[in-house]
N, C-alpha and C. Protein backbone atom coordinates (compact mmCIF):
# COMPACT_ATOMS: atom_id res chain seq x y z
N UNK A 1 -1.58 -35.97 36.07
CA UNK A 1 -1.39 -36.18 37.49
C UNK A 1 0.01 -35.69 37.86
N UNK A 2 0.13 -34.97 38.92
CA UNK A 2 1.43 -34.43 39.30
C UNK A 2 2.22 -35.45 40.12
N UNK A 3 3.53 -35.26 40.13
CA UNK A 3 4.40 -36.17 40.89
C UNK A 3 4.22 -35.90 42.38
N UNK A 4 4.34 -36.93 43.22
CA UNK A 4 4.19 -36.71 44.66
C UNK A 4 5.32 -35.83 45.19
N UNK A 5 5.00 -35.07 46.23
CA UNK A 5 5.98 -34.18 46.84
C UNK A 5 7.08 -34.97 47.54
N UNK A 6 6.72 -36.08 48.17
CA UNK A 6 7.73 -36.93 48.83
C UNK A 6 7.31 -38.39 48.68
N UNK A 7 8.28 -39.26 48.85
CA UNK A 7 8.00 -40.69 48.78
C UNK A 7 7.45 -41.14 50.12
N UNK A 8 6.90 -42.37 50.21
CA UNK A 8 6.35 -42.82 51.49
C UNK A 8 7.38 -42.83 52.62
N UNK A 9 8.66 -43.00 52.31
CA UNK A 9 9.65 -43.01 53.39
C UNK A 9 10.13 -41.60 53.76
N UNK A 10 9.58 -40.53 53.09
CA UNK A 10 9.91 -39.16 53.45
C UNK A 10 11.01 -38.53 52.65
N UNK A 11 11.64 -39.26 51.76
CA UNK A 11 12.70 -38.68 50.94
C UNK A 11 12.08 -38.05 49.70
N UNK A 12 12.71 -37.01 49.17
CA UNK A 12 12.15 -36.38 47.96
C UNK A 12 12.24 -37.33 46.77
N UNK A 13 11.30 -37.23 45.85
CA UNK A 13 11.32 -38.10 44.69
C UNK A 13 12.46 -37.73 43.76
N UNK A 14 12.89 -38.66 42.93
CA UNK A 14 13.96 -38.34 41.99
C UNK A 14 13.48 -37.29 41.00
N UNK A 15 14.38 -36.46 40.49
CA UNK A 15 13.96 -35.42 39.55
C UNK A 15 13.41 -36.03 38.26
N UNK A 16 12.36 -35.40 37.76
CA UNK A 16 11.73 -35.85 36.52
C UNK A 16 12.44 -35.19 35.35
N UNK A 17 12.55 -35.88 34.24
CA UNK A 17 13.18 -35.24 33.08
C UNK A 17 12.31 -34.10 32.55
N UNK A 18 12.95 -33.03 32.14
CA UNK A 18 12.24 -31.87 31.61
C UNK A 18 11.83 -32.19 30.18
N UNK A 19 10.55 -32.06 29.93
CA UNK A 19 10.06 -32.31 28.57
C UNK A 19 9.77 -30.98 27.92
N UNK A 20 10.18 -30.85 26.71
CA UNK A 20 9.90 -29.63 25.95
C UNK A 20 8.70 -29.90 25.06
N UNK A 21 8.07 -28.81 24.63
CA UNK A 21 6.94 -28.94 23.73
C UNK A 21 7.40 -29.45 22.38
N UNK A 22 6.46 -29.70 21.53
CA UNK A 22 6.83 -30.19 20.20
C UNK A 22 7.66 -29.13 19.48
N UNK A 23 8.56 -29.54 18.63
CA UNK A 23 9.38 -28.56 17.92
C UNK A 23 8.52 -27.72 16.98
N UNK A 24 8.91 -26.47 16.83
CA UNK A 24 8.17 -25.56 15.96
C UNK A 24 8.54 -25.87 14.52
N UNK A 25 7.52 -26.03 13.73
CA UNK A 25 7.75 -26.34 12.31
C UNK A 25 8.32 -25.10 11.63
N UNK A 26 9.28 -25.26 10.72
CA UNK A 26 9.89 -24.09 10.06
C UNK A 26 8.88 -23.22 9.34
N UNK A 27 7.80 -23.82 8.81
CA UNK A 27 6.79 -23.00 8.13
C UNK A 27 6.11 -22.05 9.10
N UNK A 28 5.87 -22.51 10.33
CA UNK A 28 5.23 -21.65 11.33
C UNK A 28 6.15 -20.49 11.69
N UNK A 29 7.41 -20.77 11.84
CA UNK A 29 8.37 -19.71 12.17
C UNK A 29 8.44 -18.69 11.05
N UNK A 30 8.43 -19.16 9.81
CA UNK A 30 8.45 -18.25 8.66
C UNK A 30 7.17 -17.43 8.61
N UNK A 31 6.04 -18.09 8.86
CA UNK A 31 4.76 -17.38 8.84
C UNK A 31 4.72 -16.32 9.93
N UNK A 32 5.26 -16.64 11.10
CA UNK A 32 5.29 -15.66 12.19
C UNK A 32 6.16 -14.47 11.82
N UNK A 33 7.31 -14.72 11.21
CA UNK A 33 8.18 -13.62 10.79
C UNK A 33 7.49 -12.74 9.76
N UNK A 34 6.80 -13.36 8.80
CA UNK A 34 6.08 -12.59 7.79
C UNK A 34 4.95 -11.78 8.41
N UNK A 35 4.27 -12.37 9.38
CA UNK A 35 3.17 -11.66 10.04
C UNK A 35 3.68 -10.44 10.79
N UNK A 36 4.76 -10.59 11.51
CA UNK A 36 5.34 -9.46 12.25
C UNK A 36 5.81 -8.38 11.28
N UNK A 37 6.44 -8.79 10.19
CA UNK A 37 6.88 -7.83 9.18
C UNK A 37 5.69 -7.08 8.60
N UNK A 38 4.61 -7.80 8.30
CA UNK A 38 3.42 -7.17 7.73
C UNK A 38 2.77 -6.21 8.72
N UNK A 39 2.72 -6.59 9.99
CA UNK A 39 2.17 -5.70 11.02
C UNK A 39 2.97 -4.41 11.13
N UNK A 40 4.27 -4.51 11.01
CA UNK A 40 5.10 -3.30 11.05
C UNK A 40 4.79 -2.39 9.86
N UNK A 41 4.63 -3.00 8.68
CA UNK A 41 4.29 -2.19 7.51
C UNK A 41 2.90 -1.56 7.66
N UNK A 42 1.95 -2.36 8.13
CA UNK A 42 0.58 -1.86 8.28
C UNK A 42 0.48 -0.78 9.35
N UNK A 43 1.34 -0.85 10.36
CA UNK A 43 1.27 0.14 11.44
C UNK A 43 1.55 1.54 10.92
N UNK A 44 2.29 1.65 9.83
CA UNK A 44 2.53 2.97 9.24
C UNK A 44 1.23 3.57 8.72
N UNK A 45 0.29 2.72 8.39
CA UNK A 45 -0.99 3.19 7.89
C UNK A 45 -2.00 3.33 9.02
N UNK A 46 -2.15 2.26 9.82
CA UNK A 46 -3.22 2.29 10.80
C UNK A 46 -2.92 3.11 12.03
N UNK A 47 -1.66 3.32 12.37
CA UNK A 47 -1.35 4.10 13.57
C UNK A 47 -1.84 5.55 13.44
N UNK A 48 -1.51 6.27 12.35
CA UNK A 48 -2.03 7.64 12.25
C UNK A 48 -3.56 7.70 12.17
N UNK A 49 -4.17 6.74 11.47
CA UNK A 49 -5.63 6.73 11.37
C UNK A 49 -6.26 6.45 12.73
N UNK A 50 -5.67 5.55 13.48
CA UNK A 50 -6.19 5.24 14.81
C UNK A 50 -6.07 6.45 15.72
N UNK A 51 -4.94 7.12 15.67
CA UNK A 51 -4.75 8.32 16.50
C UNK A 51 -5.76 9.40 16.11
N UNK A 52 -5.97 9.57 14.80
CA UNK A 52 -6.93 10.58 14.35
C UNK A 52 -8.35 10.25 14.82
N UNK A 53 -8.75 8.99 14.71
CA UNK A 53 -10.09 8.60 15.13
C UNK A 53 -10.26 8.71 16.64
N UNK A 54 -9.25 8.31 17.40
CA UNK A 54 -9.33 8.45 18.85
C UNK A 54 -9.41 9.91 19.27
N UNK A 55 -8.67 10.76 18.58
CA UNK A 55 -8.73 12.20 18.85
C UNK A 55 -10.12 12.74 18.54
N UNK A 56 -10.68 12.29 17.42
CA UNK A 56 -12.02 12.74 17.03
C UNK A 56 -13.06 12.36 18.08
N UNK A 57 -13.05 11.10 18.51
CA UNK A 57 -14.02 10.66 19.51
C UNK A 57 -13.70 11.24 20.88
N UNK A 58 -12.43 11.43 21.16
CA UNK A 58 -12.04 12.04 22.42
C UNK A 58 -12.56 13.46 22.56
N UNK A 59 -12.60 14.17 21.42
CA UNK A 59 -13.13 15.54 21.44
C UNK A 59 -14.58 15.55 21.91
N UNK A 60 -15.37 14.63 21.41
CA UNK A 60 -16.78 14.55 21.80
C UNK A 60 -16.93 14.16 23.27
N UNK A 61 -16.11 13.23 23.72
CA UNK A 61 -16.18 12.80 25.11
C UNK A 61 -15.79 13.93 26.05
N UNK A 62 -14.70 14.62 25.75
CA UNK A 62 -14.25 15.72 26.60
C UNK A 62 -15.27 16.85 26.62
N UNK A 63 -15.84 17.16 25.46
CA UNK A 63 -16.86 18.20 25.40
C UNK A 63 -18.06 17.83 26.26
N UNK A 64 -18.49 16.59 26.19
CA UNK A 64 -19.64 16.14 26.98
C UNK A 64 -19.34 16.20 28.47
N UNK A 65 -18.13 15.85 28.85
CA UNK A 65 -17.75 15.92 30.27
C UNK A 65 -17.81 17.36 30.76
N UNK A 66 -17.28 18.29 29.98
CA UNK A 66 -17.31 19.70 30.39
C UNK A 66 -18.73 20.25 30.41
N UNK A 67 -19.56 19.82 29.46
CA UNK A 67 -20.96 20.26 29.48
C UNK A 67 -21.67 19.75 30.73
N UNK A 68 -21.35 18.54 31.14
CA UNK A 68 -21.95 18.00 32.36
C UNK A 68 -21.57 18.79 33.59
N UNK A 69 -20.37 19.36 33.59
CA UNK A 69 -19.94 20.17 34.73
C UNK A 69 -20.64 21.53 34.75
N UNK A 70 -21.13 21.98 33.58
CA UNK A 70 -21.83 23.27 33.53
C UNK A 70 -23.24 23.16 34.08
N UNK A 71 -23.85 21.99 33.95
CA UNK A 71 -25.21 21.81 34.45
C UNK A 71 -26.00 20.85 33.60
N UNK A 72 -27.14 20.44 34.14
CA UNK A 72 -27.97 19.46 33.45
C UNK A 72 -28.55 20.01 32.15
N UNK A 73 -29.00 21.26 32.18
CA UNK A 73 -29.60 21.86 30.99
C UNK A 73 -28.56 22.00 29.87
N UNK A 74 -27.36 22.43 30.22
CA UNK A 74 -26.30 22.57 29.22
C UNK A 74 -25.89 21.20 28.66
N UNK A 75 -25.84 20.21 29.52
CA UNK A 75 -25.51 18.86 29.06
C UNK A 75 -26.58 18.35 28.10
N UNK A 76 -27.84 18.57 28.43
CA UNK A 76 -28.93 18.11 27.56
C UNK A 76 -28.87 18.82 26.21
N UNK A 77 -28.66 20.14 26.23
CA UNK A 77 -28.59 20.89 24.97
C UNK A 77 -27.39 20.50 24.13
N UNK A 78 -26.24 20.34 24.76
CA UNK A 78 -25.04 19.95 24.03
C UNK A 78 -25.13 18.55 23.47
N UNK A 79 -25.65 17.62 24.26
CA UNK A 79 -25.78 16.24 23.79
C UNK A 79 -26.78 16.16 22.63
N UNK A 80 -27.86 16.91 22.74
CA UNK A 80 -28.84 16.93 21.65
C UNK A 80 -28.25 17.57 20.41
N UNK A 81 -27.50 18.65 20.58
CA UNK A 81 -26.85 19.30 19.45
C UNK A 81 -25.82 18.40 18.79
N UNK A 82 -25.03 17.70 19.59
CA UNK A 82 -24.03 16.79 19.04
C UNK A 82 -24.69 15.63 18.30
N UNK A 83 -25.75 15.11 18.86
CA UNK A 83 -26.48 14.02 18.18
C UNK A 83 -27.05 14.51 16.86
N UNK A 84 -27.63 15.69 16.87
CA UNK A 84 -28.19 16.26 15.63
C UNK A 84 -27.08 16.45 14.59
N UNK A 85 -25.93 16.95 15.04
CA UNK A 85 -24.81 17.17 14.12
C UNK A 85 -24.28 15.84 13.57
N UNK A 86 -24.22 14.82 14.42
CA UNK A 86 -23.75 13.51 13.95
C UNK A 86 -24.70 12.91 12.92
N UNK A 87 -25.99 13.01 13.17
CA UNK A 87 -26.97 12.38 12.28
C UNK A 87 -27.12 13.15 10.97
N UNK A 88 -27.19 14.46 11.05
CA UNK A 88 -27.48 15.24 9.83
C UNK A 88 -26.25 15.74 9.11
N UNK A 89 -25.10 15.70 9.74
CA UNK A 89 -23.92 16.27 9.10
C UNK A 89 -22.77 15.31 8.93
N UNK A 90 -22.19 14.91 10.05
CA UNK A 90 -20.96 14.12 9.99
C UNK A 90 -21.18 12.77 9.32
N UNK A 91 -22.27 12.10 9.65
CA UNK A 91 -22.50 10.78 9.04
C UNK A 91 -22.78 10.91 7.55
N UNK A 92 -23.44 11.98 7.15
CA UNK A 92 -23.71 12.20 5.73
C UNK A 92 -22.42 12.45 4.96
N UNK A 93 -21.55 13.29 5.49
CA UNK A 93 -20.27 13.56 4.83
C UNK A 93 -19.38 12.33 4.80
N UNK A 94 -19.38 11.58 5.88
CA UNK A 94 -18.57 10.35 5.91
C UNK A 94 -19.10 9.34 4.90
N UNK A 95 -20.41 9.23 4.78
CA UNK A 95 -20.99 8.31 3.81
C UNK A 95 -20.68 8.71 2.38
N UNK A 96 -20.77 10.00 2.09
CA UNK A 96 -20.43 10.46 0.74
C UNK A 96 -18.96 10.22 0.43
N UNK A 97 -18.13 10.32 1.44
CA UNK A 97 -16.70 10.11 1.24
C UNK A 97 -16.36 8.64 1.03
N UNK A 98 -17.23 7.76 1.49
CA UNK A 98 -16.98 6.33 1.33
C UNK A 98 -16.90 5.88 -0.11
N UNK A 99 -17.55 6.61 -1.02
CA UNK A 99 -17.51 6.26 -2.44
C UNK A 99 -16.14 6.53 -3.05
N UNK A 100 -15.36 7.35 -2.40
CA UNK A 100 -14.05 7.72 -2.94
C UNK A 100 -13.01 6.62 -2.74
N UNK A 101 -13.14 5.85 -1.69
CA UNK A 101 -12.11 4.87 -1.35
C UNK A 101 -11.87 3.82 -2.42
N UNK A 102 -12.91 3.18 -2.98
CA UNK A 102 -12.61 2.19 -4.03
C UNK A 102 -12.03 2.81 -5.29
N UNK A 103 -12.46 4.02 -5.62
CA UNK A 103 -11.92 4.68 -6.82
C UNK A 103 -10.44 4.98 -6.62
N UNK A 104 -10.09 5.48 -5.44
CA UNK A 104 -8.68 5.77 -5.16
C UNK A 104 -7.85 4.50 -5.14
N UNK A 105 -8.40 3.43 -4.60
CA UNK A 105 -7.67 2.16 -4.58
C UNK A 105 -7.39 1.64 -5.98
N UNK A 106 -8.39 1.73 -6.85
CA UNK A 106 -8.20 1.28 -8.23
C UNK A 106 -7.21 2.17 -8.97
N UNK A 107 -7.33 3.48 -8.78
CA UNK A 107 -6.43 4.41 -9.46
C UNK A 107 -4.99 4.22 -8.99
N UNK A 108 -4.82 4.01 -7.70
CA UNK A 108 -3.47 3.79 -7.17
C UNK A 108 -2.89 2.49 -7.71
N UNK A 109 -3.69 1.45 -7.74
CA UNK A 109 -3.23 0.17 -8.27
C UNK A 109 -2.86 0.24 -9.73
N UNK A 110 -3.58 1.07 -10.49
CA UNK A 110 -3.29 1.23 -11.92
C UNK A 110 -2.18 2.24 -12.17
N UNK A 111 -1.73 2.92 -11.12
CA UNK A 111 -0.68 3.93 -11.28
C UNK A 111 -1.18 5.21 -11.91
N UNK A 112 -2.47 5.46 -11.83
CA UNK A 112 -3.08 6.63 -12.45
C UNK A 112 -3.15 7.77 -11.42
N UNK A 113 -2.07 8.50 -11.28
CA UNK A 113 -2.00 9.60 -10.30
C UNK A 113 -2.95 10.74 -10.65
N UNK A 114 -3.18 10.95 -11.93
CA UNK A 114 -4.10 12.02 -12.35
C UNK A 114 -5.51 11.76 -11.85
N UNK A 115 -5.97 10.51 -11.95
CA UNK A 115 -7.30 10.17 -11.45
C UNK A 115 -7.37 10.29 -9.94
N UNK A 116 -6.28 9.97 -9.26
CA UNK A 116 -6.23 10.14 -7.80
C UNK A 116 -6.45 11.60 -7.42
N UNK A 117 -5.70 12.49 -8.05
CA UNK A 117 -5.84 13.93 -7.74
C UNK A 117 -7.24 14.43 -8.09
N UNK A 118 -7.73 14.03 -9.25
CA UNK A 118 -9.06 14.47 -9.69
C UNK A 118 -10.14 13.98 -8.72
N UNK A 119 -10.02 12.74 -8.28
CA UNK A 119 -11.00 12.19 -7.34
C UNK A 119 -10.96 12.94 -6.02
N UNK A 120 -9.76 13.24 -5.53
CA UNK A 120 -9.63 13.99 -4.28
C UNK A 120 -10.27 15.37 -4.39
N UNK A 121 -9.95 16.09 -5.46
CA UNK A 121 -10.51 17.44 -5.62
C UNK A 121 -12.02 17.41 -5.79
N UNK A 122 -12.53 16.45 -6.56
CA UNK A 122 -13.98 16.36 -6.76
C UNK A 122 -14.69 16.00 -5.46
N UNK A 123 -14.08 15.15 -4.67
CA UNK A 123 -14.70 14.75 -3.40
C UNK A 123 -14.72 15.92 -2.42
N UNK A 124 -13.63 16.68 -2.36
CA UNK A 124 -13.61 17.86 -1.48
C UNK A 124 -14.67 18.85 -1.92
N UNK A 125 -14.77 19.08 -3.22
CA UNK A 125 -15.79 19.99 -3.74
C UNK A 125 -17.19 19.49 -3.42
N UNK A 126 -17.43 18.19 -3.60
CA UNK A 126 -18.74 17.62 -3.29
C UNK A 126 -19.10 17.81 -1.82
N UNK A 127 -18.15 17.56 -0.94
CA UNK A 127 -18.43 17.71 0.49
C UNK A 127 -18.63 19.17 0.89
N UNK A 128 -17.88 20.07 0.27
CA UNK A 128 -18.07 21.50 0.57
C UNK A 128 -19.44 21.97 0.11
N UNK A 129 -19.86 21.54 -1.07
CA UNK A 129 -21.19 21.92 -1.58
C UNK A 129 -22.28 21.29 -0.71
N UNK A 130 -22.08 20.06 -0.28
CA UNK A 130 -23.06 19.39 0.59
C UNK A 130 -23.12 20.06 1.95
N UNK A 131 -22.03 20.67 2.39
CA UNK A 131 -22.00 21.33 3.69
C UNK A 131 -22.89 22.57 3.74
N UNK A 132 -23.17 23.16 2.59
CA UNK A 132 -24.00 24.38 2.58
C UNK A 132 -25.41 24.11 3.08
N UNK A 133 -26.15 23.14 2.51
CA UNK A 133 -27.49 22.89 3.07
C UNK A 133 -27.44 22.33 4.49
N UNK A 134 -26.39 21.60 4.81
CA UNK A 134 -26.26 21.10 6.18
C UNK A 134 -26.11 22.28 7.14
N UNK A 135 -25.33 23.28 6.75
CA UNK A 135 -25.14 24.47 7.60
C UNK A 135 -26.47 25.20 7.81
N UNK A 136 -27.27 25.33 6.75
CA UNK A 136 -28.59 25.97 6.90
C UNK A 136 -29.49 25.15 7.82
N UNK A 137 -29.41 23.85 7.70
CA UNK A 137 -30.19 22.98 8.59
C UNK A 137 -29.75 23.17 10.04
N UNK A 138 -28.44 23.24 10.26
CA UNK A 138 -27.93 23.42 11.61
C UNK A 138 -28.31 24.78 12.18
N UNK A 139 -28.35 25.81 11.33
CA UNK A 139 -28.72 27.14 11.81
C UNK A 139 -30.18 27.22 12.22
N UNK A 140 -30.98 26.28 11.76
CA UNK A 140 -32.40 26.24 12.11
C UNK A 140 -32.74 25.07 13.02
N UNK A 141 -31.76 24.54 13.70
CA UNK A 141 -31.97 23.37 14.54
C UNK A 141 -32.95 23.66 15.67
N UNK A 142 -32.95 24.87 16.20
CA UNK A 142 -33.87 25.17 17.30
C UNK A 142 -35.32 25.10 16.85
N UNK A 143 -35.62 25.62 15.66
CA UNK A 143 -36.99 25.55 15.14
C UNK A 143 -37.41 24.11 14.88
N UNK A 144 -36.49 23.33 14.34
CA UNK A 144 -36.78 21.92 14.06
C UNK A 144 -37.07 21.17 15.36
N UNK A 145 -36.24 21.40 16.37
CA UNK A 145 -36.43 20.71 17.64
C UNK A 145 -37.70 21.16 18.35
N UNK A 146 -38.03 22.44 18.25
CA UNK A 146 -39.28 22.92 18.85
C UNK A 146 -40.49 22.28 18.19
N UNK A 147 -40.46 22.14 16.87
CA UNK A 147 -41.58 21.49 16.16
C UNK A 147 -41.68 20.00 16.50
N UNK A 148 -40.56 19.42 16.91
CA UNK A 148 -40.57 18.01 17.32
C UNK A 148 -40.93 17.84 18.79
N UNK A 149 -41.21 18.97 19.49
CA UNK A 149 -41.68 18.90 20.87
C UNK A 149 -40.61 19.05 21.93
N UNK A 150 -39.45 19.53 21.57
CA UNK A 150 -38.37 19.71 22.54
C UNK A 150 -38.60 20.99 23.35
N UNK A 151 -38.10 21.04 24.57
CA UNK A 151 -38.21 22.24 25.41
C UNK A 151 -37.43 23.38 24.78
N UNK A 152 -37.95 24.61 24.96
CA UNK A 152 -37.34 25.78 24.31
C UNK A 152 -35.91 26.01 24.79
N UNK A 153 -35.65 25.87 26.09
CA UNK A 153 -34.31 26.12 26.62
C UNK A 153 -33.29 25.13 26.05
N UNK A 154 -33.67 23.87 25.99
CA UNK A 154 -32.76 22.85 25.46
C UNK A 154 -32.54 23.06 23.97
N UNK A 155 -33.60 23.42 23.24
CA UNK A 155 -33.47 23.66 21.80
C UNK A 155 -32.54 24.84 21.52
N UNK A 156 -32.65 25.90 22.31
CA UNK A 156 -31.78 27.06 22.07
C UNK A 156 -30.32 26.73 22.42
N UNK A 157 -30.09 25.94 23.46
CA UNK A 157 -28.73 25.53 23.80
C UNK A 157 -28.16 24.58 22.74
N UNK A 158 -29.01 23.73 22.18
CA UNK A 158 -28.56 22.84 21.10
C UNK A 158 -28.15 23.66 19.89
N UNK A 159 -28.91 24.72 19.59
CA UNK A 159 -28.54 25.58 18.46
C UNK A 159 -27.21 26.27 18.73
N UNK A 160 -27.06 26.78 19.94
CA UNK A 160 -25.81 27.46 20.30
C UNK A 160 -24.62 26.51 20.13
N UNK A 161 -24.78 25.26 20.55
CA UNK A 161 -23.71 24.28 20.44
C UNK A 161 -23.43 23.96 18.97
N UNK A 162 -24.47 23.76 18.18
CA UNK A 162 -24.30 23.38 16.77
C UNK A 162 -23.69 24.53 15.97
N UNK A 163 -24.00 25.76 16.31
CA UNK A 163 -23.40 26.90 15.61
C UNK A 163 -21.88 26.90 15.80
N UNK A 164 -21.44 26.52 16.99
CA UNK A 164 -19.99 26.43 17.22
C UNK A 164 -19.36 25.25 16.49
N UNK A 165 -20.17 24.30 16.04
CA UNK A 165 -19.65 23.16 15.28
C UNK A 165 -19.56 23.44 13.78
N UNK A 166 -20.09 24.57 13.32
CA UNK A 166 -20.06 24.87 11.88
C UNK A 166 -18.64 24.88 11.29
N UNK A 167 -17.65 25.47 11.93
CA UNK A 167 -16.29 25.38 11.35
C UNK A 167 -15.79 23.94 11.27
N UNK A 168 -16.23 23.13 12.20
CA UNK A 168 -15.84 21.72 12.18
C UNK A 168 -16.39 21.01 10.95
N UNK A 169 -17.54 21.44 10.48
CA UNK A 169 -18.14 20.87 9.27
C UNK A 169 -17.22 21.10 8.07
N UNK A 170 -16.65 22.29 7.98
CA UNK A 170 -15.72 22.58 6.89
C UNK A 170 -14.43 21.77 7.01
N UNK A 171 -13.95 21.61 8.23
CA UNK A 171 -12.73 20.83 8.44
C UNK A 171 -12.96 19.38 8.03
N UNK A 172 -14.11 18.83 8.37
CA UNK A 172 -14.42 17.45 8.01
C UNK A 172 -14.53 17.30 6.49
N UNK A 173 -14.97 18.36 5.81
CA UNK A 173 -15.06 18.31 4.35
C UNK A 173 -13.69 18.15 3.71
N UNK A 174 -12.66 18.56 4.39
CA UNK A 174 -11.29 18.37 3.89
C UNK A 174 -10.64 17.10 4.46
N UNK A 175 -10.87 16.83 5.75
CA UNK A 175 -10.20 15.70 6.39
C UNK A 175 -10.68 14.34 5.90
N UNK A 176 -11.98 14.19 5.71
CA UNK A 176 -12.51 12.88 5.29
C UNK A 176 -11.94 12.44 3.94
N UNK A 177 -11.92 13.31 2.91
CA UNK A 177 -11.30 12.87 1.66
C UNK A 177 -9.80 12.61 1.79
N UNK A 178 -9.11 13.41 2.60
CA UNK A 178 -7.68 13.18 2.78
C UNK A 178 -7.41 11.85 3.47
N UNK A 179 -8.28 11.48 4.40
CA UNK A 179 -8.13 10.20 5.08
C UNK A 179 -8.30 9.05 4.09
N UNK A 180 -9.27 9.17 3.19
CA UNK A 180 -9.47 8.12 2.18
C UNK A 180 -8.37 8.14 1.14
N UNK A 181 -7.83 9.31 0.85
CA UNK A 181 -6.80 9.46 -0.18
C UNK A 181 -5.49 8.81 0.25
N UNK A 182 -5.13 9.04 1.51
CA UNK A 182 -3.86 8.51 1.99
C UNK A 182 -4.07 7.16 2.61
């Protein structure tokens, strides 16, 4: 309940003593200092990864916005091509790269730099070799989409879009292992 604004005779009430909250326990202050210190250390790791991931998703968003400005047919073809690339290419490479992270963590913890380098090189090689059949699949995306009942114009635009994504497939074959390595 709050104090009255004035007393019945119209004079202001006497000032109330200021109460402070309970004192902060020294353990809480220490824990807060440790948490802030840990966040600063972690930011050296998560800040570059966050920027890289936002850039990656931003690329798709910006591309889709520009495709929408070109027209409905171009937007449909580009969105279908991007979805096809995500499902058949990027997610597959990212999943294969996921096996590298625990191996690198164990090797780093054991101080085994040789295993770290070997794992990185083997993972890059694995992703590059896996990119070959993915590239052939992407080059035939129009035929696949036509057999699935897609309109010819949209299927050909999806192929055109996916062909321009082929260099990106090679870049991801290098970037995904490097992201897990560092």
